[in-house]
Amino acid sequence: MSLFSSDGQTLFVGQPSPVLASMYRSAAQNIASGGPVQIQFDTSQYQVGHSTAVPAASTSSYSVTPQVSGYYRITASATLLCTAAPANAYVTVLVRVAGSPVGQAANPCVVNQFVGPCCSLVAYVASGQSITAYIDQLSGAVLTTMTDVANRPKLFVELLR
């Protein structure tokens, strides 16, 4: 079985979980220095599940909130253009559950190049706890998120049980 987005991009190949949600950012978002910045997801790509189990994807809180407690595979990614950076600069994508950090991934940032950290993990999420993604540049770099289909910031949540 495969799931496809409205633009034909393959989102999942194989046997998906009965509960899925995905969000992405379609417009550029500037990432300022000074601490983690929440990725402002503006589109819910798809939500699949039983009537009481469909995760709520909110474009106002930029989060996915599962309605069923369990173990979830959570993947957050973003590709950014680094237009300025001091030496040893890097960019981190962080995942939070109910406001607490549960995972992160970091990549070095080089001037006028793209940087694309991706954090994928399995975490227990209780019903009603929100899942959010943040970008932290921790470096004084100047960053803007990409908007093309392959590189736009994404948050994918799948119930494993």
Protein backbone atom coordinates (compact mmCIF):
# COMPACT_ATOMS: atom_id res chain seq x y z
CA MET A 1 0.00 0.00 0.00
CA SER A 2 1.22 3.54 -0.75
CA LEU A 3 -0.02 6.94 0.36
CA PHE A 4 0.47 9.88 -1.98
CA SER A 5 0.14 13.62 -1.45
CA SER A 6 -2.05 15.76 -3.69
CA ASP A 7 1.00 16.62 -5.82
CA GLY A 8 1.84 12.94 -6.37
CA GLN A 9 4.77 12.73 -3.93
CA THR A 10 5.02 9.28 -2.31
CA LEU A 11 4.58 9.70 1.44
CA PHE A 12 4.62 6.10 2.61
CA VAL A 13 5.22 2.75 0.96
CA GLY A 14 4.38 -0.47 2.78
CA GLN A 15 1.76 -1.30 5.36
CA PRO A 16 0.99 1.91 7.25
CA SER A 17 -0.24 2.13 10.79
CA PRO A 18 -3.97 2.85 11.14
CA VAL A 19 -3.14 6.24 12.70
CA LEU A 20 -1.05 8.78 10.80
CA ALA A 21 -0.68 12.55 10.59
CA SER A 22 1.62 14.83 8.64
CA MET A 23 2.15 18.57 8.43
CA TYR A 24 4.46 20.80 6.40
CA ARG A 25 5.47 24.43 6.02
CA SER A 26 4.72 25.81 2.55
CA ALA A 27 6.02 29.37 2.98
CA ALA A 28 9.54 30.48 3.91
CA GLN A 29 10.20 31.03 7.61
CA ASN A 30 13.24 32.99 8.80
CA ILE A 31 14.99 31.36 11.74
CA ALA A 32 16.41 33.94 14.15
CA SER A 33 19.25 33.30 16.56
CA GLY A 34 18.80 33.22 20.31
CA GLY A 35 17.16 29.88 21.01
CA PRO A 36 14.86 27.31 19.46
CA VAL A 37 12.20 28.61 17.06
CA GLN A 38 9.04 26.55 16.56
CA ILE A 39 8.49 25.47 12.96
CA GLN A 40 5.21 27.08 11.94
CA PHE A 41 3.56 24.28 10.00
CA ASP A 42 0.78 25.80 7.89
CA THR A 43 -0.65 22.76 6.09
CA SER A 44 -1.99 19.42 7.27
CA GLN A 45 -0.97 17.03 4.52
CA TYR A 46 -3.04 14.07 5.66
CA GLN A 47 -4.68 12.59 8.72
CA VAL A 48 -5.65 8.92 8.74
CA GLY A 49 -7.24 6.88 11.52
CA HIS A 50 -10.38 5.67 13.16
CA SER A 51 -12.87 8.37 14.16
CA THR A 52 -11.62 8.56 17.76
CA ALA A 53 -7.97 7.91 16.93
CA VAL A 54 -7.18 10.45 14.21
CA PRO A 55 -4.35 12.69 15.47
CA ALA A 56 -5.38 16.34 15.48
CA ALA A 57 -3.04 18.36 13.25
CA SER A 58 -3.30 22.05 14.18
CA THR A 59 -2.04 24.82 11.93
CA SER A 60 -2.66 27.37 14.71
CA SER A 61 -0.46 25.61 17.33
CA TYR A 62 1.79 24.05 14.62
CA SER A 63 1.44 20.65 16.27
CA VAL A 64 0.06 17.13 16.01
CA THR A 65 -1.90 15.89 19.03
CA PRO A 66 -2.57 12.15 19.22
CA GLN A 67 -5.96 11.07 20.58
CA VAL A 68 -4.68 7.61 21.57
CA SER A 69 -1.82 6.94 24.00
CA GLY A 70 0.98 4.80 22.62
CA TYR A 71 4.38 4.62 21.00
CA TYR A 72 4.73 6.89 17.99
CA ARG A 73 7.35 7.15 15.26
CA ILE A 74 8.01 10.88 14.97
CA THR A 75 10.06 12.40 12.15
CA ALA A 76 10.81 16.11 11.85
CA SER A 77 12.95 17.54 9.08
CA ALA A 78 13.83 20.86 7.50
CA THR A 79 16.21 22.04 4.81
CA LEU A 80 17.51 25.55 5.25
CA LEU A 81 19.64 27.92 3.22
CA CYS A 82 22.51 29.22 5.33
CA THR A 83 23.29 32.71 4.00
CA ALA A 84 25.76 33.68 6.74
CA ALA A 85 27.51 31.70 9.47
CA PRO A 86 30.48 31.99 11.80
CA ALA A 87 33.04 29.18 12.00
CA ASN A 88 31.80 25.92 13.51
CA ALA A 89 28.14 26.87 13.02
CA TYR A 90 25.46 24.20 13.05
CA VAL A 91 21.69 23.80 12.88
CA THR A 92 19.55 21.49 15.02
CA VAL A 93 16.02 20.14 14.52
CA LEU A 94 14.38 19.33 17.86
CA VAL A 95 11.24 17.30 18.63
CA ARG A 96 9.19 18.05 21.73
CA VAL A 97 6.31 16.13 23.31
CA ALA A 98 4.12 18.14 25.70
CA GLY A 99 6.79 20.86 25.63
CA SER A 100 9.64 18.56 26.73
CA PRO A 101 12.53 17.70 24.37
CA VAL A 102 12.60 14.03 23.29
CA GLY A 103 15.14 14.11 20.44
CA GLN A 104 17.28 16.20 18.13
CA ALA A 105 19.57 16.03 15.10
CA ALA A 106 22.29 18.51 14.14
CA ASN A 107 24.18 19.33 10.93
CA PRO A 108 27.05 21.78 10.25
CA CYS A 109 26.13 25.07 8.58
CA VAL A 110 28.31 26.41 5.74
CA VAL A 111 27.73 29.82 4.14
CA ASN A 112 25.66 29.73 0.92
CA GLN A 113 24.93 26.03 1.25
CA PHE A 114 21.89 24.04 2.29
CA VAL A 115 21.69 22.27 5.63
CA GLY A 116 19.04 19.61 6.26
CA PRO A 117 18.85 18.01 9.70
CA CYS A 118 16.28 15.23 10.16
CA CYS A 119 15.29 13.83 13.56
CA SER A 120 13.49 10.47 13.64
CA LEU A 121 12.65 8.68 16.88
CA VAL A 122 10.14 6.52 18.73
CA ALA A 123 8.55 8.03 21.84
CA TYR A 124 5.63 7.27 24.13
CA VAL A 125 2.97 9.98 23.76
CA ALA A 126 -0.07 10.15 26.01
CA SER A 127 -3.46 11.07 24.60
CA GLY A 128 -3.79 14.84 24.28
CA GLN A 129 -0.05 15.60 24.40
CA SER A 130 1.13 17.80 21.53
CA ILE A 131 4.07 16.95 19.29
CA THR A 132 6.01 19.94 17.95
CA ALA A 133 9.23 20.59 16.02
CA TYR A 134 11.77 23.37 16.49
CA ILE A 135 14.88 24.65 14.74
CA ASP A 136 17.78 25.96 16.79
CA GLN A 137 20.78 27.37 14.98
CA LEU A 138 22.91 27.83 18.11
CA SER A 139 25.41 29.65 15.94
CA GLY A 140 24.39 33.12 14.82
CA ALA A 141 23.76 31.87 11.29
CA VAL A 142 21.20 33.49 8.97
CA LEU A 143 18.72 30.81 7.89
CA THR A 144 15.53 30.54 5.83
CA THR A 145 13.45 27.39 5.41
CA MET A 146 13.03 25.99 1.90
CA THR A 147 9.58 25.76 0.30
CA ASP A 148 9.99 23.22 -2.51
CA VAL A 149 8.15 19.91 -2.02
CA ALA A 150 11.23 17.78 -1.31
CA ASN A 151 12.85 20.16 1.18
CA ARG A 152 10.07 21.99 3.01
CA PRO A 153 9.90 21.48 6.80
CA LYS A 154 7.81 18.40 7.66
CA LEU A 155 6.43 16.64 10.72
CA PHE A 156 5.28 13.02 10.37
CA VAL A 157 3.62 11.07 13.20
CA GLU A 158 2.69 7.37 13.08
CA LEU A 159 1.21 5.23 15.86
CA LEU A 160 3.22 2.03 16.40
CA ARG A 161 1.27 0.87 19.53
